[in-house]
Amino acid sequence: MWQASSWDDPAVGERLAGSHLVICFGGDGTLIRGARLTAPLGVPIVGVNFGKMGFLTEFAPHELAPGLPALLAGDYWLEERLTLSVEHRRDGRLLNTYLAINEAVVARGRVNKLLRLHAWVDRQYMTTYAADGLLVATPTGSTGSNLAAGGPVLPPDMDALVMAPVMPFISFRNALVLASQSRVDVQVVLTPPPPQHEAVLAVDSGTTVNLQDGDRLSFTGGDVRSRFARIRQKHYFHAVLVNKLQRAPIEPPLPPDTPSPSER
């Protein structure tokens, strides 16, 4: 048995190879960080929710003690979910590859200027977006930024990706559901060049990479699967989804008589 911060990648990586199960304490973001580390090794992960939404977590804090004996006895089923593989190229050279559990988004940086993003699907040119960004999400990520961008929610066992523009302006506005083996290529157009016009690649809201004019990003279903340990019933997703989305706001509202900042 061992423990480490999900932010300490080297410490976690050293211990994962011989592990049979990882219990992750935190919210969805913490669990996603853990799943990015466990997925390549095929190690199951289970979450205890100390965050807000807890779409991915299996337990509330008070449910862990009753559920722990089943986990330790191996009395759980594995939910395998599609991951996303991302490649970053510049001038034809592969600069880096990334694994995403949730989504990857090409978005504007600090400067409030629309991006022009040339997009191909399966090497066929599709359109050029004028937008704040373009995201590609897995079914796991479909309940996150994709949902906020107006994209559809995909069930976790679906072998599909969803591509959704972020705040498109006089562009193709619809989200698209693609086969998991489809390949999306995006070329970034920055005019004028940084710092007057910026773009970034964000992977799972964690890794952020500055992009240059002409950079190309490729997105497709990953070769590995993230594996979540579950003790709940297998057909849980839609009931949990409705419960989460119909709940009260996750941020408590301010008192009605709170003055605006300009009045303070």
C-alpha atoms as a PDB file:
ATOM      1  CA  MET A   1       0.000   0.000   0.000  1.00  0.00           C
ATOM      2  CA  TRP A   2       1.264   3.490  -0.866  1.00  0.00           C
ATOM      3  CA  GLN A   3       0.075   7.074  -1.141  1.00  0.00           C
ATOM      4  CA  ALA A   4       1.156  10.057  -3.222  1.00  0.00           C
ATOM      5  CA  SER A   5      -0.178  13.311  -4.608  1.00  0.00           C
ATOM      6  CA  SER A   6      -1.720  13.051  -8.072  1.00  0.00           C
ATOM      7  CA  TRP A   7       0.435  16.076  -8.965  1.00  0.00           C
ATOM      8  CA  ASP A   8       3.623  14.134  -8.182  1.00  0.00           C
ATOM      9  CA  ASP A   9       3.885  12.207 -11.448  1.00  0.00           C
ATOM     10  CA  PRO A  10       7.291  10.628 -10.730  1.00  0.00           C
ATOM     11  CA  ALA A  11       6.210   9.322  -7.304  1.00  0.00           C
ATOM     12  CA  VAL A  12       2.980   7.890  -8.679  1.00  0.00           C
ATOM     13  CA  GLY A  13       4.704   6.405 -11.719  1.00  0.00           C
ATOM     14  CA  GLU A  14       7.252   4.562  -9.596  1.00  0.00           C
ATOM     15  CA  ARG A  15       4.531   2.759  -7.655  1.00  0.00           C
ATOM     16  CA  LEU A  16       1.915   2.073 -10.324  1.00  0.00           C
ATOM     17  CA  ALA A  17       3.610  -0.832 -12.101  1.00  0.00           C
ATOM     18  CA  GLY A  18       3.018  -3.249  -9.216  1.00  0.00           C
ATOM     19  CA  SER A  19      -0.406  -1.937  -8.219  1.00  0.00           C
ATOM     20  CA  HIS A  20      -3.709  -3.747  -8.670  1.00  0.00           C
ATOM     21  CA  LEU A  21      -6.023  -0.814  -7.821  1.00  0.00           C
ATOM     22  CA  VAL A  22      -5.685   2.924  -7.187  1.00  0.00           C
ATOM     23  CA  ILE A  23      -8.087   4.803  -4.908  1.00  0.00           C
ATOM     24  CA  CYS A  24      -8.159   8.498  -5.748  1.00  0.00           C
ATOM     25  CA  PHE A  25      -9.402  11.127  -3.295  1.00  0.00           C
ATOM     26  CA  GLY A  26     -10.591  14.384  -4.863  1.00  0.00           C
ATOM     27  CA  GLY A  27     -12.924  15.691  -7.519  1.00  0.00           C
ATOM     28  CA  ASP A  28     -13.260  14.813 -11.191  1.00  0.00           C
ATOM     29  CA  GLY A  29     -10.142  16.807 -12.088  1.00  0.00           C
ATOM     30  CA  THR A  30      -7.998  14.870  -9.628  1.00  0.00           C
ATOM     31  CA  LEU A  31      -9.439  11.582 -10.850  1.00  0.00           C
ATOM     32  CA  ILE A  32      -8.717  12.500 -14.464  1.00  0.00           C
ATOM     33  CA  ARG A  33      -5.094  13.276 -13.571  1.00  0.00           C
ATOM     34  CA  GLY A  34      -4.843   9.886 -11.898  1.00  0.00           C
ATOM     35  CA  ALA A  35      -6.495   8.114 -14.822  1.00  0.00           C
ATOM     36  CA  ARG A  36      -3.978   9.631 -17.270  1.00  0.00           C
ATOM     37  CA  LEU A  37      -1.248   7.907 -15.276  1.00  0.00           C
ATOM     38  CA  THR A  38      -3.028   4.576 -14.709  1.00  0.00           C
ATOM     39  CA  ALA A  39      -4.519   4.085 -18.195  1.00  0.00           C
ATOM     40  CA  PRO A  40      -1.262   3.234 -20.046  1.00  0.00           C
ATOM     41  CA  LEU A  41      -0.541   0.502 -17.469  1.00  0.00           C
ATOM     42  CA  GLY A  42      -4.094  -0.860 -17.398  1.00  0.00           C
ATOM     43  CA  VAL A  43      -4.397  -0.259 -13.643  1.00  0.00           C
ATOM     44  CA  PRO A  44      -8.012   0.298 -12.474  1.00  0.00           C
ATOM     45  CA  ILE A  45      -8.786   3.487 -10.592  1.00  0.00           C
ATOM     46  CA  VAL A  46     -11.723   4.391  -8.347  1.00  0.00           C
ATOM     47  CA  GLY A  47     -12.641   7.848  -7.085  1.00  0.00           C
ATOM     48  CA  VAL A  48     -13.875   9.173  -3.751  1.00  0.00           C
ATOM     49  CA  ASN A  49     -15.550  12.533  -4.321  1.00  0.00           C
ATOM     50  CA  PHE A  50     -14.161  15.480  -2.412  1.00  0.00           C
ATOM     51  CA  GLY A  51     -14.998  17.858  -5.264  1.00  0.00           C
ATOM     52  CA  LYS A  52     -18.225  19.344  -6.594  1.00  0.00           C
ATOM     53  CA  MET A  53     -19.843  17.387  -9.418  1.00  0.00           C
ATOM     54  CA  GLY A  54     -18.251  13.963  -9.118  1.00  0.00           C
ATOM     55  CA  PHE A  55     -19.395  12.603 -12.493  1.00  0.00           C
ATOM     56  CA  LEU A  56     -16.593  10.042 -12.509  1.00  0.00           C
ATOM     57  CA  THR A  57     -16.193   9.230  -8.833  1.00  0.00           C
ATOM     58  CA  GLU A  58     -17.695   6.072  -7.379  1.00  0.00           C
ATOM     59  CA  PHE A  59     -18.115   7.071  -3.748  1.00  0.00           C
ATOM     60  CA  ALA A  60     -19.116   9.993  -1.610  1.00  0.00           C
ATOM     61  CA  PRO A  61     -16.762  10.213   1.400  1.00  0.00           C
ATOM     62  CA  HIS A  62     -19.249   8.503   3.743  1.00  0.00           C
ATOM     63  CA  GLU A  63     -19.706   5.624   1.277  1.00  0.00           C
ATOM     64  CA  LEU A  64     -16.075   4.556   1.175  1.00  0.00           C
ATOM     65  CA  ALA A  65     -15.996   2.598   4.446  1.00  0.00           C
ATOM     66  CA  PRO A  66     -18.996   0.387   3.492  1.00  0.00           C
ATOM     67  CA  GLY A  67     -17.645  -0.112  -0.039  1.00  0.00           C
ATOM     68  CA  LEU A  68     -13.990  -0.673   0.824  1.00  0.00           C
ATOM     69  CA  PRO A  69     -14.263  -4.408   1.694  1.00  0.00           C
ATOM     70  CA  ALA A  70     -15.698  -5.155  -1.758  1.00  0.00           C
ATOM     71  CA  LEU A  71     -12.936  -3.177  -3.435  1.00  0.00           C
ATOM     72  CA  LEU A  72     -10.168  -4.906  -1.498  1.00  0.00           C
ATOM     73  CA  ALA A  73     -11.726  -8.303  -2.213  1.00  0.00           C
ATOM     74  CA  GLY A  74     -11.745  -7.533  -5.939  1.00  0.00           C
ATOM     75  CA  ASP A  75     -15.543  -7.627  -6.017  1.00  0.00           C
ATOM     76  CA  TYR A  76     -15.955  -4.914  -8.625  1.00  0.00           C
ATOM     77  CA  TRP A  77     -16.475  -4.624 -12.363  1.00  0.00           C
ATOM     78  CA  LEU A  78     -14.313  -2.649 -14.784  1.00  0.00           C
ATOM     79  CA  GLU A  79     -15.707   0.159 -16.868  1.00  0.00           C
ATOM     80  CA  GLU A  80     -13.368   0.721 -19.810  1.00  0.00           C
ATOM     81  CA  ARG A  81     -13.552   4.094 -21.504  1.00  0.00           C
ATOM     82  CA  LEU A  82     -12.100   5.481 -24.714  1.00  0.00           C
ATOM     83  CA  THR A  83      -9.143   7.851 -24.452  1.00  0.00           C
ATOM     84  CA  LEU A  84      -7.981  10.514 -26.890  1.00  0.00           C
ATOM     85  CA  SER A  85      -4.592  10.617 -28.603  1.00  0.00           C
ATOM     86  CA  VAL A  86      -3.278  14.066 -29.552  1.00  0.00           C
ATOM     87  CA  GLU A  87      -0.298  14.887 -31.789  1.00  0.00           C
ATOM     88  CA  HIS A  88       1.296  18.316 -32.151  1.00  0.00           C
ATOM     89  CA  ARG A  89       3.258  19.034 -35.330  1.00  0.00           C
ATOM     90  CA  ARG A  90       5.170  22.084 -36.540  1.00  0.00           C
ATOM     91  CA  ASP A  91       6.664  22.369 -40.026  1.00  0.00           C
ATOM     92  CA  GLY A  92       6.009  18.660 -40.516  1.00  0.00           C
ATOM     93  CA  ARG A  93       7.906  17.646 -37.350  1.00  0.00           C
ATOM     94  CA  LEU A  94       6.191  15.796 -34.526  1.00  0.00           C
ATOM     95  CA  LEU A  95       6.811  17.900 -31.405  1.00  0.00           C
ATOM     96  CA  ASN A  96       4.858  15.887 -28.846  1.00  0.00           C
ATOM     97  CA  THR A  97       2.039  13.457 -28.208  1.00  0.00           C
ATOM     98  CA  TYR A  98      -0.527  13.600 -25.400  1.00  0.00           C
ATOM     99  CA  LEU A  99      -3.072  11.257 -23.871  1.00  0.00           C
ATOM    100  CA  ALA A 100      -6.406  12.783 -22.844  1.00  0.00           C
ATOM    101  CA  ILE A 101      -9.084  11.209 -20.679  1.00  0.00           C
ATOM    102  CA  ASN A 102     -11.594  14.047 -21.087  1.00  0.00           C
ATOM    103  CA  GLU A 103     -10.848  16.325 -23.999  1.00  0.00           C
ATOM    104  CA  ALA A 104      -8.359  18.473 -25.820  1.00  0.00           C
ATOM    105  CA  VAL A 105      -9.130  21.984 -27.031  1.00  0.00           C
ATOM    106  CA  VAL A 106      -7.416  24.425 -29.357  1.00  0.00           C
ATOM    107  CA  ALA A 107      -8.348  27.818 -27.967  1.00  0.00           C
ATOM    108  CA  ARG A 108      -7.409  31.478 -28.075  1.00  0.00           C
ATOM    109  CA  GLY A 109      -4.903  32.623 -25.483  1.00  0.00           C
ATOM    110  CA  ARG A 110      -4.847  35.864 -23.499  1.00  0.00           C
ATOM    111  CA  VAL A 111      -5.720  38.051 -26.490  1.00  0.00           C
ATOM    112  CA  ASN A 112      -9.428  38.314 -27.270  1.00  0.00           C
ATOM    113  CA  LYS A 113      -9.173  37.560 -30.979  1.00  0.00           C
ATOM    114  CA  LEU A 114     -10.995  34.844 -32.885  1.00  0.00           C
ATOM    115  CA  LEU A 115      -8.971  31.924 -34.160  1.00  0.00           C
ATOM    116  CA  ARG A 116      -9.098  30.660 -37.696  1.00  0.00           C
ATOM    117  CA  LEU A 117      -8.880  26.895 -37.585  1.00  0.00           C
ATOM    118  CA  HIS A 118      -8.749  24.802 -40.779  1.00  0.00           C
ATOM    119  CA  ALA A 119     -10.307  21.410 -40.030  1.00  0.00           C
ATOM    120  CA  TRP A 120     -10.065  18.055 -41.792  1.00  0.00           C
ATOM    121  CA  VAL A 121     -11.891  14.832 -40.868  1.00  0.00           C
ATOM    122  CA  ASP A 122     -10.266  11.619 -42.069  1.00  0.00           C
ATOM    123  CA  ARG A 123      -7.954  13.712 -44.287  1.00  0.00           C
ATOM    124  CA  GLN A 124     -10.893  15.339 -46.083  1.00  0.00           C
ATOM    125  CA  TYR A 125     -11.057  19.112 -45.662  1.00  0.00           C
ATOM    126  CA  MET A 126     -14.285  19.995 -43.861  1.00  0.00           C
ATOM    127  CA  THR A 127     -14.388  23.711 -42.982  1.00  0.00           C
ATOM    128  CA  THR A 128     -12.512  26.661 -41.534  1.00  0.00           C
ATOM    129  CA  TYR A 129     -13.779  27.801 -38.167  1.00  0.00           C
ATOM    130  CA  ALA A 130     -13.740  31.383 -36.918  1.00  0.00           C
ATOM    131  CA  ALA A 131     -14.218  30.754 -33.215  1.00  0.00           C
ATOM    132  CA  ASP A 132     -12.798  31.003 -29.728  1.00  0.00           C
ATOM    133  CA  GLY A 133     -11.710  27.395 -30.125  1.00  0.00           C
ATOM    134  CA  LEU A 134     -12.437  23.846 -31.169  1.00  0.00           C
ATOM    135  CA  LEU A 135     -12.578  20.877 -28.812  1.00  0.00           C
ATOM    136  CA  VAL A 136     -12.501  17.130 -29.319  1.00  0.00           C
ATOM    137  CA  ALA A 137     -13.879  15.094 -26.425  1.00  0.00           C
ATOM    138  CA  THR A 138     -14.201  11.466 -25.436  1.00  0.00           C
ATOM    139  CA  PRO A 139     -17.474  10.126 -24.023  1.00  0.00           C
ATOM    140  CA  THR A 140     -15.946  10.750 -20.591  1.00  0.00           C
ATOM    141  CA  GLY A 141     -15.330  14.379 -21.480  1.00  0.00           C
ATOM    142  CA  SER A 142     -18.706  14.874 -23.121  1.00  0.00           C
ATOM    143  CA  THR A 143     -20.179  15.945 -19.765  1.00  0.00           C
ATOM    144  CA  GLY A 144     -17.539  18.661 -19.304  1.00  0.00           C
ATOM    145  CA  SER A 145     -16.492  21.514 -21.588  1.00  0.00           C
ATOM    146  CA  ASN A 146     -18.216  19.823 -24.521  1.00  0.00           C
ATOM    147  CA  LEU A 147     -21.559  20.062 -22.719  1.00  0.00           C
ATOM    148  CA  ALA A 148     -20.898  23.730 -21.933  1.00  0.00           C
ATOM    149  CA  ALA A 149     -20.151  24.294 -25.641  1.00  0.00           C
ATOM    150  CA  GLY A 150     -23.518  22.788 -26.624  1.00  0.00           C
ATOM    151  CA  GLY A 151     -22.220  19.349 -27.594  1.00  0.00           C
ATOM    152  CA  PRO A 152     -24.116  16.103 -26.931  1.00  0.00           C
ATOM    153  CA  VAL A 153     -23.595  13.814 -23.954  1.00  0.00           C
ATOM    154  CA  LEU A 154     -22.247  10.403 -25.005  1.00  0.00           C
ATOM    155  CA  PRO A 155     -22.661   7.271 -22.861  1.00  0.00           C
ATOM    156  CA  PRO A 156     -19.352   6.131 -21.353  1.00  0.00           C
ATOM    157  CA  ASP A 157     -19.184   2.840 -23.267  1.00  0.00           C
ATOM    158  CA  MET A 158     -19.671   4.427 -26.700  1.00  0.00           C
ATOM    159  CA  ASP A 159     -16.742   4.152 -29.125  1.00  0.00           C
ATOM    160  CA  ALA A 160     -17.059   7.673 -30.446  1.00  0.00           C
ATOM    161  CA  LEU A 161     -15.627  11.166 -30.225  1.00  0.00           C
ATOM    162  CA  VAL A 162     -17.417  14.501 -30.312  1.00  0.00           C
ATOM    163  CA  MET A 163     -16.038  17.628 -31.986  1.00  0.00           C
ATOM    164  CA  ALA A 164     -17.560  20.965 -30.982  1.00  0.00           C
ATOM    165  CA  PRO A 165     -16.662  24.561 -31.855  1.00  0.00           C
ATOM    166  CA  VAL A 166     -16.374  27.024 -28.980  1.00  0.00           C
ATOM    167  CA  MET A 167     -18.217  30.318 -29.552  1.00  0.00           C
ATOM    168  CA  PRO A 168     -18.172  30.099 -33.367  1.00  0.00           C
ATOM    169  CA  PHE A 169     -18.725  33.328 -35.319  1.00  0.00           C
ATOM    170  CA  ILE A 170     -20.380  33.040 -38.725  1.00  0.00           C
ATOM    171  CA  SER A 171     -19.041  29.491 -38.929  1.00  0.00           C
ATOM    172  CA  PHE A 172     -20.326  25.941 -38.879  1.00  0.00           C
ATOM    173  CA  ARG A 173     -21.869  25.836 -35.400  1.00  0.00           C
ATOM    174  CA  ASN A 174     -22.897  22.212 -34.913  1.00  0.00           C
ATOM    175  CA  ALA A 175     -21.132  19.608 -32.826  1.00  0.00           C
ATOM    176  CA  LEU A 176     -20.303  16.376 -34.668  1.00  0.00           C
ATOM    177  CA  VAL A 177     -20.147  12.819 -33.350  1.00  0.00           C
ATOM    178  CA  LEU A 178     -17.334  10.875 -35.022  1.00  0.00           C
ATOM    179  CA  ALA A 179     -16.220   7.252 -34.989  1.00  0.00           C
ATOM    180  CA  SER A 180     -13.441   6.602 -32.494  1.00  0.00           C
ATOM    181  CA  GLN A 181     -11.012   5.688 -35.292  1.00  0.00           C
ATOM    182  CA  SER A 182     -11.702   8.929 -37.166  1.00  0.00           C
ATOM    183  CA  ARG A 183      -8.881  11.441 -37.343  1.00  0.00           C
ATOM    184  CA  VAL A 184      -9.396  15.167 -36.904  1.00  0.00           C
ATOM    185  CA  ASP A 185      -6.634  17.479 -38.166  1.00  0.00           C
ATOM    186  CA  VAL A 186      -6.638  21.149 -37.215  1.00  0.00           C
ATOM    187  CA  GLN A 187      -4.284  23.821 -38.569  1.00  0.00           C
ATOM    188  CA  VAL A 188      -3.931  27.067 -36.608  1.00  0.00           C
ATOM    189  CA  VAL A 189      -3.904  30.455 -38.321  1.00  0.00           C
ATOM    190  CA  LEU A 190      -2.516  33.369 -36.270  1.00  0.00           C
ATOM    191  CA  THR A 191      -2.504  36.798 -37.948  1.00  0.00           C
ATOM    192  CA  PRO A 192      -0.902  38.915 -36.619  1.00  0.00           C
ATOM    193  CA  PRO A 193       1.619  36.648 -34.870  1.00  0.00           C
ATOM    194  CA  PRO A 194       1.978  36.400 -31.074  1.00  0.00           C
ATOM    195  CA  PRO A 195       1.789  38.283 -28.775  1.00  0.00           C
ATOM    196  CA  GLN A 196      -0.888  40.226 -30.668  1.00  0.00           C
ATOM    197  CA  HIS A 197      -2.701  36.965 -31.457  1.00  0.00           C
ATOM    198  CA  GLU A 198      -2.324  33.786 -29.409  1.00  0.00           C
ATOM    199  CA  ALA A 199      -3.515  30.176 -29.384  1.00  0.00           C
ATOM    200  CA  VAL A 200      -3.004  27.307 -26.957  1.00  0.00           C
ATOM    201  CA  LEU A 201      -3.584  23.585 -26.846  1.00  0.00           C
ATOM    202  CA  ALA A 202      -5.106  22.472 -23.528  1.00  0.00           C
ATOM    203  CA  VAL A 203      -5.279  18.763 -22.679  1.00  0.00           C
ATOM    204  CA  ASP A 204      -7.664  17.732 -19.889  1.00  0.00           C
ATOM    205  CA  SER A 205      -7.521  21.294 -18.526  1.00  0.00           C
ATOM    206  CA  GLY A 206      -4.043  20.440 -17.225  1.00  0.00           C
ATOM    207  CA  THR A 207      -1.329  20.445 -19.874  1.00  0.00           C
ATOM    208  CA  THR A 208      -1.230  23.753 -21.769  1.00  0.00           C
ATOM    209  CA  VAL A 209       0.996  24.327 -24.810  1.00  0.00           C
ATOM    210  CA  ASN A 210       1.517  27.583 -26.707  1.00  0.00           C
ATOM    211  CA  LEU A 211       0.894  27.248 -30.439  1.00  0.00           C
ATOM    212  CA  GLN A 212       2.373  29.043 -33.414  1.00  0.00           C
ATOM    213  CA  ASP A 213       0.953  30.025 -36.768  1.00  0.00           C
ATOM    214  CA  GLY A 214       0.698  26.950 -38.999  1.00  0.00           C
ATOM    215  CA  ASP A 215       0.881  24.403 -36.163  1.00  0.00           C
ATOM    216  CA  ARG A 216      -1.159  21.273 -36.804  1.00  0.00           C
ATOM    217  CA  LEU A 217      -2.948  19.172 -34.202  1.00  0.00           C
ATOM    218  CA  SER A 218      -4.260  15.655 -34.821  1.00  0.00           C
ATOM    219  CA  PHE A 219      -6.894  13.940 -32.672  1.00  0.00           C
ATOM    220  CA  THR A 220      -8.057  10.317 -32.738  1.00  0.00           C
ATOM    221  CA  GLY A 221      -9.194   7.588 -30.371  1.00  0.00           C
ATOM    222  CA  GLY A 222      -6.350   6.348 -28.165  1.00  0.00           C
ATOM    223  CA  ASP A 223      -4.896   2.865 -28.202  1.00  0.00           C
ATOM    224  CA  VAL A 224      -5.318   2.470 -24.428  1.00  0.00           C
ATOM    225  CA  ARG A 225      -8.460   2.558 -22.331  1.00  0.00           C
ATOM    226  CA  SER A 226      -8.999   4.168 -18.972  1.00  0.00           C
ATOM    227  CA  ARG A 227     -10.300   1.599 -16.482  1.00  0.00           C
ATOM    228  CA  PHE A 228     -12.600   2.631 -13.653  1.00  0.00           C
ATOM    229  CA  ALA A 229     -13.476   0.182 -10.876  1.00  0.00           C
ATOM    230  CA  ARG A 230     -17.222   0.147 -10.125  1.00  0.00           C
ATOM    231  CA  ILE A 231     -19.360  -1.591  -7.539  1.00  0.00           C
ATOM    232  CA  ARG A 232     -22.603   0.142  -8.552  1.00  0.00           C
ATOM    233  CA  GLN A 233     -25.013  -1.373 -11.053  1.00  0.00           C
ATOM    234  CA  LYS A 234     -23.762  -1.403 -14.640  1.00  0.00           C
ATOM    235  CA  HIS A 235     -26.560   0.705 -16.127  1.00  0.00           C
ATOM    236  CA  TYR A 236     -26.061   3.637 -13.788  1.00  0.00           C
ATOM    237  CA  PHE A 237     -25.027   6.421 -16.141  1.00  0.00           C
ATOM    238  CA  HIS A 238     -28.238   8.164 -17.202  1.00  0.00           C
ATOM    239  CA  ALA A 239     -29.784   8.144 -13.736  1.00  0.00           C
ATOM    240  CA  VAL A 240     -26.612   9.652 -12.280  1.00  0.00           C
ATOM    241  CA  LEU A 241     -26.383  12.144 -15.156  1.00  0.00           C
ATOM    242  CA  VAL A 242     -29.881  13.495 -14.582  1.00  0.00           C
ATOM    243  CA  ASN A 243     -29.317  13.687 -10.841  1.00  0.00           C
ATOM    244  CA  LYS A 244     -26.102  15.650 -11.302  1.00  0.00           C
ATOM    245  CA  LEU A 245     -27.462  18.075 -13.902  1.00  0.00           C
ATOM    246  CA  GLN A 246     -30.771  18.759 -12.120  1.00  0.00           C
ATOM    247  CA  ARG A 247     -29.176  19.585  -8.813  1.00  0.00           C
ATOM    248  CA  ALA A 248     -28.834  23.078  -7.363  1.00  0.00           C
ATOM    249  CA  PRO A 249     -25.962  25.261  -8.564  1.00  0.00           C
ATOM    250  CA  ILE A 250     -22.602  23.871  -7.494  1.00  0.00           C
ATOM    251  CA  GLU A 251     -21.492  27.343  -6.440  1.00  0.00           C
ATOM    252  CA  PRO A 252     -23.587  28.773  -3.578  1.00  0.00           C
ATOM    253  CA  PRO A 253     -25.280  32.019  -4.634  1.00  0.00           C
ATOM    254  CA  LEU A 254     -24.336  35.328  -3.060  1.00  0.00           C
ATOM    255  CA  PRO A 255     -26.863  37.025  -0.781  1.00  0.00           C
ATOM    256  CA  PRO A 256     -29.428  39.012  -2.800  1.00  0.00           C
ATOM    257  CA  ASP A 257     -28.257  42.322  -1.332  1.00  0.00           C
ATOM    258  CA  THR A 258     -24.593  41.808  -2.267  1.00  0.00           C
ATOM    259  CA  PRO A 259     -23.402  45.084  -3.832  1.00  0.00           C
ATOM    260  CA  SER A 260     -21.749  45.050  -7.209  1.00  0.00           C
ATOM    261  CA  PRO A 261     -17.960  45.623  -7.268  1.00  0.00           C
ATOM    262  CA  SER A 262     -18.523  49.140  -8.659  1.00  0.00           C
ATOM    263  CA  GLU A 263     -20.512  50.055  -5.528  1.00  0.00           C
ATOM    264  CA  ARG A 264     -17.892  48.924  -3.020  1.00  0.00           C
END
